[in-house]
Every structure is written in structure tokens, then in C-alpha cells.
């Protein structure tokens, strides 16, 4: 939404972190 980053912020698409995890990858 407009204004999230201050009064001059017009809004727009933003990347939002929705989660995370650990990984174990085996490479041959």
C-alpha cells in the first residue's frame, strides 16, 4: 500500500519474507 515507506511512497510490489527453513543437499 502507498505510504508504507513514508508519505511519498507511492506503493507497489514488494518482496515479503513468508518463511524459512534449513536444508541439507547432497551433490554427486
ModelCIF file with pLDDT and N, C-alpha, C, O atoms, coordinates in Angstrom:
data_MODEL
#
_entry.id   MODEL 
#
_entity.id                         1 
_entity.type                       polymer 
_entity.pdbx_number_of_molecules   1 
#
_entity_poly.entity_id                      1 
_entity_poly.type                           'polypeptide(L)' 
_entity_poly.nstd_linkage                   no 
_entity_poly.nstd_monomer                   no 
_entity_poly.pdbx_seq_one_letter_code       
;(UNK)(UNK)(UNK)(UNK)(UNK)(UNK)(UNK)(UNK)(UNK)(UNK)(UNK)(UNK)(UNK)(UNK)(UNK)(UNK)
(UNK)(UNK)(UNK)(UNK)(UNK)(UNK)(UNK)(UNK)(UNK)(UNK)(UNK)(UNK)
;
_entity_poly.pdbx_seq_one_letter_code_can   XXXXXXXXXXXXXXXXXXXXXXXXXXXX 
_entity_poly.pdbx_strand_id                 A 
#
loop_
_entity_poly_seq.entity_id 
_entity_poly_seq.num 
_entity_poly_seq.mon_id 
_entity_poly_seq.hetero 
1 1  UNK n 
1 2  UNK n 
1 3  UNK n 
1 4  UNK n 
1 5  UNK n 
1 6  UNK n 
1 7  UNK n 
1 8  UNK n 
1 9  UNK n 
1 10 UNK n 
1 11 UNK n 
1 12 UNK n 
1 13 UNK n 
1 14 UNK n 
1 15 UNK n 
1 16 UNK n 
1 17 UNK n 
1 18 UNK n 
1 19 UNK n 
1 20 UNK n 
1 21 UNK n 
1 22 UNK n 
1 23 UNK n 
1 24 UNK n 
1 25 UNK n 
1 26 UNK n 
1 27 UNK n 
1 28 UNK n 
#
_struct_asym.id          A 
_struct_asym.entity_id   1 
#
loop_
_ma_qa_metric.id 
_ma_qa_metric.mode 
_ma_qa_metric.name 
_ma_qa_metric.software_group_id 
_ma_qa_metric.type 
1 global pLDDT . pLDDT 
2 local  pLDDT . pLDDT 
#
_ma_qa_metric_global.metric_id      1 
_ma_qa_metric_global.metric_value   88.61 
_ma_qa_metric_global.model_id       1 
_ma_qa_metric_global.ordinal_id     1 
#
loop_
_ma_qa_metric_local.label_asym_id 
_ma_qa_metric_local.label_comp_id 
_ma_qa_metric_local.label_seq_id 
_ma_qa_metric_local.metric_id 
_ma_qa_metric_local.metric_value 
_ma_qa_metric_local.model_id 
_ma_qa_metric_local.ordinal_id 
A UNK 1  2 80.00 1 1  
A UNK 2  2 81.00 1 2  
A UNK 3  2 80.00 1 3  
A UNK 4  2 78.00 1 4  
A UNK 5  2 79.00 1 5  
A UNK 6  2 85.00 1 6  
A UNK 7  2 88.00 1 7  
A UNK 8  2 87.00 1 8  
A UNK 9  2 82.00 1 9  
A UNK 10 2 83.00 1 10 
A UNK 11 2 79.00 1 11 
A UNK 12 2 83.00 1 12 
A UNK 13 2 86.00 1 13 
A UNK 14 2 87.00 1 14 
A UNK 15 2 89.00 1 15 
A UNK 16 2 89.00 1 16 
A UNK 17 2 91.00 1 17 
A UNK 18 2 92.00 1 18 
A UNK 19 2 93.00 1 19 
A UNK 20 2 94.00 1 20 
A UNK 21 2 95.00 1 21 
A UNK 22 2 96.00 1 22 
A UNK 23 2 96.00 1 23 
A UNK 24 2 97.00 1 24 
A UNK 25 2 97.00 1 25 
A UNK 26 2 98.00 1 26 
A UNK 27 2 98.00 1 27 
A UNK 28 2 98.00 1 28 
#
loop_
_atom_site.group_PDB 
_atom_site.id 
_atom_site.type_symbol 
_atom_site.label_atom_id 
_atom_site.label_alt_id 
_atom_site.label_comp_id 
_atom_site.label_asym_id 
_atom_site.label_entity_id 
_atom_site.label_seq_id 
_atom_site.pdbx_PDB_ins_code 
_atom_site.Cartn_x 
_atom_site.Cartn_y 
_atom_site.Cartn_z 
_atom_site.occupancy 
_atom_site.B_iso_or_equiv 
_atom_site.pdbx_formal_charge 
_atom_site.auth_seq_id 
_atom_site.auth_comp_id 
_atom_site.auth_asym_id 
_atom_site.auth_atom_id 
_atom_site.pdbx_PDB_model_num 
ATOM 1   N N  . UNK A 1 1  ? 0.828  -1.208  0.000  1.00 80.00 ? 1  UNK A N  1 
ATOM 2   C CA . UNK A 1 1  ? 0.000  0.000   0.000  1.00 80.00 ? 1  UNK A CA 1 
ATOM 3   C C  . UNK A 1 1  ? 0.865  1.261   0.000  1.00 80.00 ? 1  UNK A C  1 
ATOM 4   O O  . UNK A 1 1  ? 1.988  1.252   0.504  1.00 80.00 ? 1  UNK A O  1 
ATOM 5   N N  . UNK A 1 2  ? 0.346  2.316   -0.554 1.00 81.00 ? 2  UNK A N  1 
ATOM 6   C CA . UNK A 1 2  ? 1.047  3.606   -0.561 1.00 81.00 ? 2  UNK A CA 1 
ATOM 7   C C  . UNK A 1 2  ? 1.290  4.054   0.881  1.00 81.00 ? 2  UNK A C  1 
ATOM 8   O O  . UNK A 1 2  ? 0.459  3.843   1.764  1.00 81.00 ? 2  UNK A O  1 
ATOM 9   N N  . UNK A 1 3  ? 2.452  4.679   1.096  1.00 80.00 ? 3  UNK A N  1 
ATOM 10  C CA . UNK A 1 3  ? 2.760  5.252   2.397  1.00 80.00 ? 3  UNK A CA 1 
ATOM 11  C C  . UNK A 1 3  ? 3.486  4.348   3.367  1.00 80.00 ? 3  UNK A C  1 
ATOM 12  O O  . UNK A 1 3  ? 3.845  4.795   4.456  1.00 80.00 ? 3  UNK A O  1 
ATOM 13  N N  . UNK A 1 4  ? 3.715  3.102   3.021  1.00 78.00 ? 4  UNK A N  1 
ATOM 14  C CA . UNK A 1 4  ? 4.406  2.180   3.927  1.00 78.00 ? 4  UNK A CA 1 
ATOM 15  C C  . UNK A 1 4  ? 5.806  2.689   4.261  1.00 78.00 ? 4  UNK A C  1 
ATOM 16  O O  . UNK A 1 4  ? 6.244  2.597   5.407  1.00 78.00 ? 4  UNK A O  1 
ATOM 17  N N  . UNK A 1 5  ? 6.509  3.225   3.261  1.00 79.00 ? 5  UNK A N  1 
ATOM 18  C CA . UNK A 1 5  ? 7.869  3.720   3.459  1.00 79.00 ? 5  UNK A CA 1 
ATOM 19  C C  . UNK A 1 5  ? 7.920  5.248   3.550  1.00 79.00 ? 5  UNK A C  1 
ATOM 20  O O  . UNK A 1 5  ? 8.932  5.854   3.199  1.00 79.00 ? 5  UNK A O  1 
ATOM 21  N N  . UNK A 1 6  ? 6.866  5.854   4.007  1.00 85.00 ? 6  UNK A N  1 
ATOM 22  C CA . UNK A 1 6  ? 6.822  7.312   4.154  1.00 85.00 ? 6  UNK A CA 1 
ATOM 23  C C  . UNK A 1 6  ? 5.734  7.919   3.295  1.00 85.00 ? 6  UNK A C  1 
ATOM 24  O O  . UNK A 1 6  ? 5.157  7.255   2.434  1.00 85.00 ? 6  UNK A O  1 
ATOM 25  N N  . UNK A 1 7  ? 5.460  9.193   3.540  1.00 88.00 ? 7  UNK A N  1 
ATOM 26  C CA . UNK A 1 7  ? 4.332  9.843   2.869  1.00 88.00 ? 7  UNK A CA 1 
ATOM 27  C C  . UNK A 1 7  ? 4.500  9.945   1.353  1.00 88.00 ? 7  UNK A C  1 
ATOM 28  O O  . UNK A 1 7  ? 3.512  10.060  0.626  1.00 88.00 ? 7  UNK A O  1 
ATOM 29  N N  . UNK A 1 8  ? 5.747  9.903   0.872  1.00 87.00 ? 8  UNK A N  1 
ATOM 30  C CA . UNK A 1 8  ? 5.977  9.993   -0.571 1.00 87.00 ? 8  UNK A CA 1 
ATOM 31  C C  . UNK A 1 8  ? 6.033  8.625   -1.259 1.00 87.00 ? 8  UNK A C  1 
ATOM 32  O O  . UNK A 1 8  ? 6.240  8.551   -2.470 1.00 87.00 ? 8  UNK A O  1 
ATOM 33  N N  . UNK A 1 9  ? 5.853  7.560   -0.504 1.00 82.00 ? 9  UNK A N  1 
ATOM 34  C CA . UNK A 1 9  ? 5.893  6.207   -1.067 1.00 82.00 ? 9  UNK A CA 1 
ATOM 35  C C  . UNK A 1 9  ? 4.606  5.945   -1.849 1.00 82.00 ? 9  UNK A C  1 
ATOM 36  O O  . UNK A 1 9  ? 3.520  5.939   -1.269 1.00 82.00 ? 9  UNK A O  1 
ATOM 37  N N  . UNK A 1 10 ? 4.722  5.726   -3.181 1.00 83.00 ? 10 UNK A N  1 
ATOM 38  C CA . UNK A 1 10 ? 3.518  5.508   -3.984 1.00 83.00 ? 10 UNK A CA 1 
ATOM 39  C C  . UNK A 1 10 ? 2.941  4.092   -3.860 1.00 83.00 ? 10 UNK A C  1 
ATOM 40  O O  . UNK A 1 10 ? 1.874  3.805   -4.402 1.00 83.00 ? 10 UNK A O  1 
ATOM 41  N N  . UNK A 1 11 ? 3.639  3.223   -3.155 1.00 79.00 ? 11 UNK A N  1 
ATOM 42  C CA . UNK A 1 11 ? 3.196  1.831   -3.086 1.00 79.00 ? 11 UNK A CA 1 
ATOM 43  C C  . UNK A 1 11 ? 3.730  1.051   -4.267 1.00 79.00 ? 11 UNK A C  1 
ATOM 44  O O  . UNK A 1 11 ? 4.442  1.599   -5.109 1.00 79.00 ? 11 UNK A O  1 
ATOM 45  N N  . UNK A 1 12 ? 3.398  -0.200  -4.332 1.00 83.00 ? 12 UNK A N  1 
ATOM 46  C CA . UNK A 1 12 ? 3.859  -1.033  -5.434 1.00 83.00 ? 12 UNK A CA 1 
ATOM 47  C C  . UNK A 1 12 ? 4.233  -2.414  -4.952 1.00 83.00 ? 12 UNK A C  1 
ATOM 48  O O  . UNK A 1 12 ? 4.012  -2.748  -3.788 1.00 83.00 ? 12 UNK A O  1 
ATOM 49  N N  . UNK A 1 13 ? 4.802  -3.225  -5.837 1.00 86.00 ? 13 UNK A N  1 
ATOM 50  C CA . UNK A 1 13 ? 5.167  -4.587  -5.436 1.00 86.00 ? 13 UNK A CA 1 
ATOM 51  C C  . UNK A 1 13 ? 6.378  -4.609  -4.507 1.00 86.00 ? 13 UNK A C  1 
ATOM 52  O O  . UNK A 1 13 ? 7.318  -3.835  -4.687 1.00 86.00 ? 13 UNK A O  1 
ATOM 53  N N  . UNK A 1 14 ? 6.352  -5.493  -3.520 1.00 87.00 ? 14 UNK A N  1 
ATOM 54  C CA . UNK A 1 14 ? 7.463  -5.670  -2.580 1.00 87.00 ? 14 UNK A CA 1 
ATOM 55  C C  . UNK A 1 14 ? 7.637  -7.147  -2.283 1.00 87.00 ? 14 UNK A C  1 
ATOM 56  O O  . UNK A 1 14 ? 6.667  -7.901  -2.202 1.00 87.00 ? 14 UNK A O  1 
ATOM 57  N N  . UNK A 1 15 ? 8.898  -7.549  -2.122 1.00 89.00 ? 15 UNK A N  1 
ATOM 58  C CA . UNK A 1 15 ? 9.164  -8.917  -1.698 1.00 89.00 ? 15 UNK A CA 1 
ATOM 59  C C  . UNK A 1 15 ? 8.968  -8.989  -0.184 1.00 89.00 ? 15 UNK A C  1 
ATOM 60  O O  . UNK A 1 15 ? 9.524  -8.186  0.565  1.00 89.00 ? 15 UNK A O  1 
ATOM 61  N N  . UNK A 1 16 ? 8.171  -9.960  0.251  1.00 89.00 ? 16 UNK A N  1 
ATOM 62  C CA . UNK A 1 16 ? 7.854  -10.135 1.660  1.00 89.00 ? 16 UNK A CA 1 
ATOM 63  C C  . UNK A 1 16 ? 8.316  -11.528 2.087  1.00 89.00 ? 16 UNK A C  1 
ATOM 64  O O  . UNK A 1 16 ? 7.971  -12.521 1.447  1.00 89.00 ? 16 UNK A O  1 
ATOM 65  N N  . UNK A 1 17 ? 9.096  -11.602 3.171  1.00 91.00 ? 17 UNK A N  1 
ATOM 66  C CA . UNK A 1 17 ? 9.538  -12.900 3.681  1.00 91.00 ? 17 UNK A CA 1 
ATOM 67  C C  . UNK A 1 17 ? 8.340  -13.601 4.311  1.00 91.00 ? 17 UNK A C  1 
ATOM 68  O O  . UNK A 1 17 ? 7.668  -13.047 5.181  1.00 91.00 ? 17 UNK A O  1 
ATOM 69  N N  . UNK A 1 18 ? 8.083  -14.831 3.860  1.00 92.00 ? 18 UNK A N  1 
ATOM 70  C CA . UNK A 1 18 ? 6.929  -15.582 4.354  1.00 92.00 ? 18 UNK A CA 1 
ATOM 71  C C  . UNK A 1 18 ? 7.331  -16.819 5.157  1.00 92.00 ? 18 UNK A C  1 
ATOM 72  O O  . UNK A 1 18 ? 6.471  -17.509 5.706  1.00 92.00 ? 18 UNK A O  1 
ATOM 73  N N  . UNK A 1 19 ? 8.619  -17.099 5.227  1.00 93.00 ? 19 UNK A N  1 
ATOM 74  C CA . UNK A 1 19 ? 9.072  -18.255 5.996  1.00 93.00 ? 19 UNK A CA 1 
ATOM 75  C C  . UNK A 1 19 ? 10.519 -18.577 5.692  1.00 93.00 ? 19 UNK A C  1 
ATOM 76  O O  . UNK A 1 19 ? 11.193 -17.869 4.943  1.00 93.00 ? 19 UNK A O  1 
ATOM 77  N N  . UNK A 1 20 ? 10.982 -19.664 6.292  1.00 94.00 ? 20 UNK A N  1 
ATOM 78  C CA . UNK A 1 20 ? 12.352 -20.100 6.077  1.00 94.00 ? 20 UNK A CA 1 
ATOM 79  C C  . UNK A 1 20 ? 12.532 -21.524 6.536  1.00 94.00 ? 20 UNK A C  1 
ATOM 80  O O  . UNK A 1 20 ? 11.626 -22.118 7.122  1.00 94.00 ? 20 UNK A O  1 
ATOM 81  N N  . UNK A 1 21 ? 13.702 -22.074 6.270  1.00 95.00 ? 21 UNK A N  1 
ATOM 82  C CA . UNK A 1 21 ? 13.975 -23.466 6.634  1.00 95.00 ? 21 UNK A CA 1 
ATOM 83  C C  . UNK A 1 21 ? 15.474 -23.727 6.557  1.00 95.00 ? 21 UNK A C  1 
ATOM 84  O O  . UNK A 1 21 ? 16.247 -22.899 6.075  1.00 95.00 ? 21 UNK A O  1 
ATOM 85  N N  . UNK A 1 22 ? 15.858 -24.897 7.044  1.00 96.00 ? 22 UNK A N  1 
ATOM 86  C CA . UNK A 1 22 ? 17.223 -25.387 6.868  1.00 96.00 ? 22 UNK A CA 1 
ATOM 87  C C  . UNK A 1 22 ? 17.207 -26.385 5.722  1.00 96.00 ? 22 UNK A C  1 
ATOM 88  O O  . UNK A 1 22 ? 16.174 -26.978 5.412  1.00 96.00 ? 22 UNK A O  1 
ATOM 89  N N  . UNK A 1 23 ? 18.373 -26.562 5.095  1.00 96.00 ? 23 UNK A N  1 
ATOM 90  C CA . UNK A 1 23 ? 18.457 -27.556 4.022  1.00 96.00 ? 23 UNK A CA 1 
ATOM 91  C C  . UNK A 1 23 ? 19.744 -28.353 4.148  1.00 96.00 ? 23 UNK A C  1 
ATOM 92  O O  . UNK A 1 23 ? 20.747 -27.879 4.681  1.00 96.00 ? 23 UNK A O  1 
ATOM 93  N N  . UNK A 1 24 ? 19.685 -29.564 3.647  1.00 97.00 ? 24 UNK A N  1 
ATOM 94  C CA . UNK A 1 24 ? 20.835 -30.455 3.504  1.00 97.00 ? 24 UNK A CA 1 
ATOM 95  C C  . UNK A 1 24 ? 20.764 -30.977 2.073  1.00 97.00 ? 24 UNK A C  1 
ATOM 96  O O  . UNK A 1 24 ? 19.836 -31.704 1.721  1.00 97.00 ? 24 UNK A O  1 
ATOM 97  N N  . UNK A 1 25 ? 21.737 -30.608 1.255  1.00 97.00 ? 25 UNK A N  1 
ATOM 98  C CA . UNK A 1 25 ? 21.755 -31.027 -0.142 1.00 97.00 ? 25 UNK A CA 1 
ATOM 99  C C  . UNK A 1 25 ? 22.983 -31.893 -0.401 1.00 97.00 ? 25 UNK A C  1 
ATOM 100 O O  . UNK A 1 25 ? 24.107 -31.506 -0.078 1.00 97.00 ? 25 UNK A O  1 
ATOM 101 N N  . UNK A 1 26 ? 22.762 -33.043 -0.974 1.00 98.00 ? 26 UNK A N  1 
ATOM 102 C CA . UNK A 1 26 ? 23.859 -33.937 -1.333 1.00 98.00 ? 26 UNK A CA 1 
ATOM 103 C C  . UNK A 1 26 ? 24.122 -33.782 -2.827 1.00 98.00 ? 26 UNK A C  1 
ATOM 104 O O  . UNK A 1 26 ? 23.230 -33.962 -3.656 1.00 98.00 ? 26 UNK A O  1 
ATOM 105 N N  . UNK A 1 27 ? 25.371 -33.443 -3.148 1.00 98.00 ? 27 UNK A N  1 
ATOM 106 C CA . UNK A 1 27 ? 25.796 -33.297 -4.534 1.00 98.00 ? 27 UNK A CA 1 
ATOM 107 C C  . UNK A 1 27 ? 26.742 -34.434 -4.886 1.00 98.00 ? 27 UNK A C  1 
ATOM 108 O O  . UNK A 1 27 ? 27.685 -34.723 -4.148 1.00 98.00 ? 27 UNK A O  1 
ATOM 109 N N  . UNK A 1 28 ? 26.485 -35.068 -6.009 1.00 98.00 ? 28 UNK A N  1 
ATOM 110 C CA . UNK A 1 28 ? 27.348 -36.141 -6.505 1.00 98.00 ? 28 UNK A CA 1 
ATOM 111 C C  . UNK A 1 28 ? 28.284 -35.571 -7.569 1.00 98.00 ? 28 UNK A C  1 
ATOM 112 O O  . UNK A 1 28 ? 29.102 -36.302 -8.126 1.00 98.00 ? 28 UNK A O  1 
#
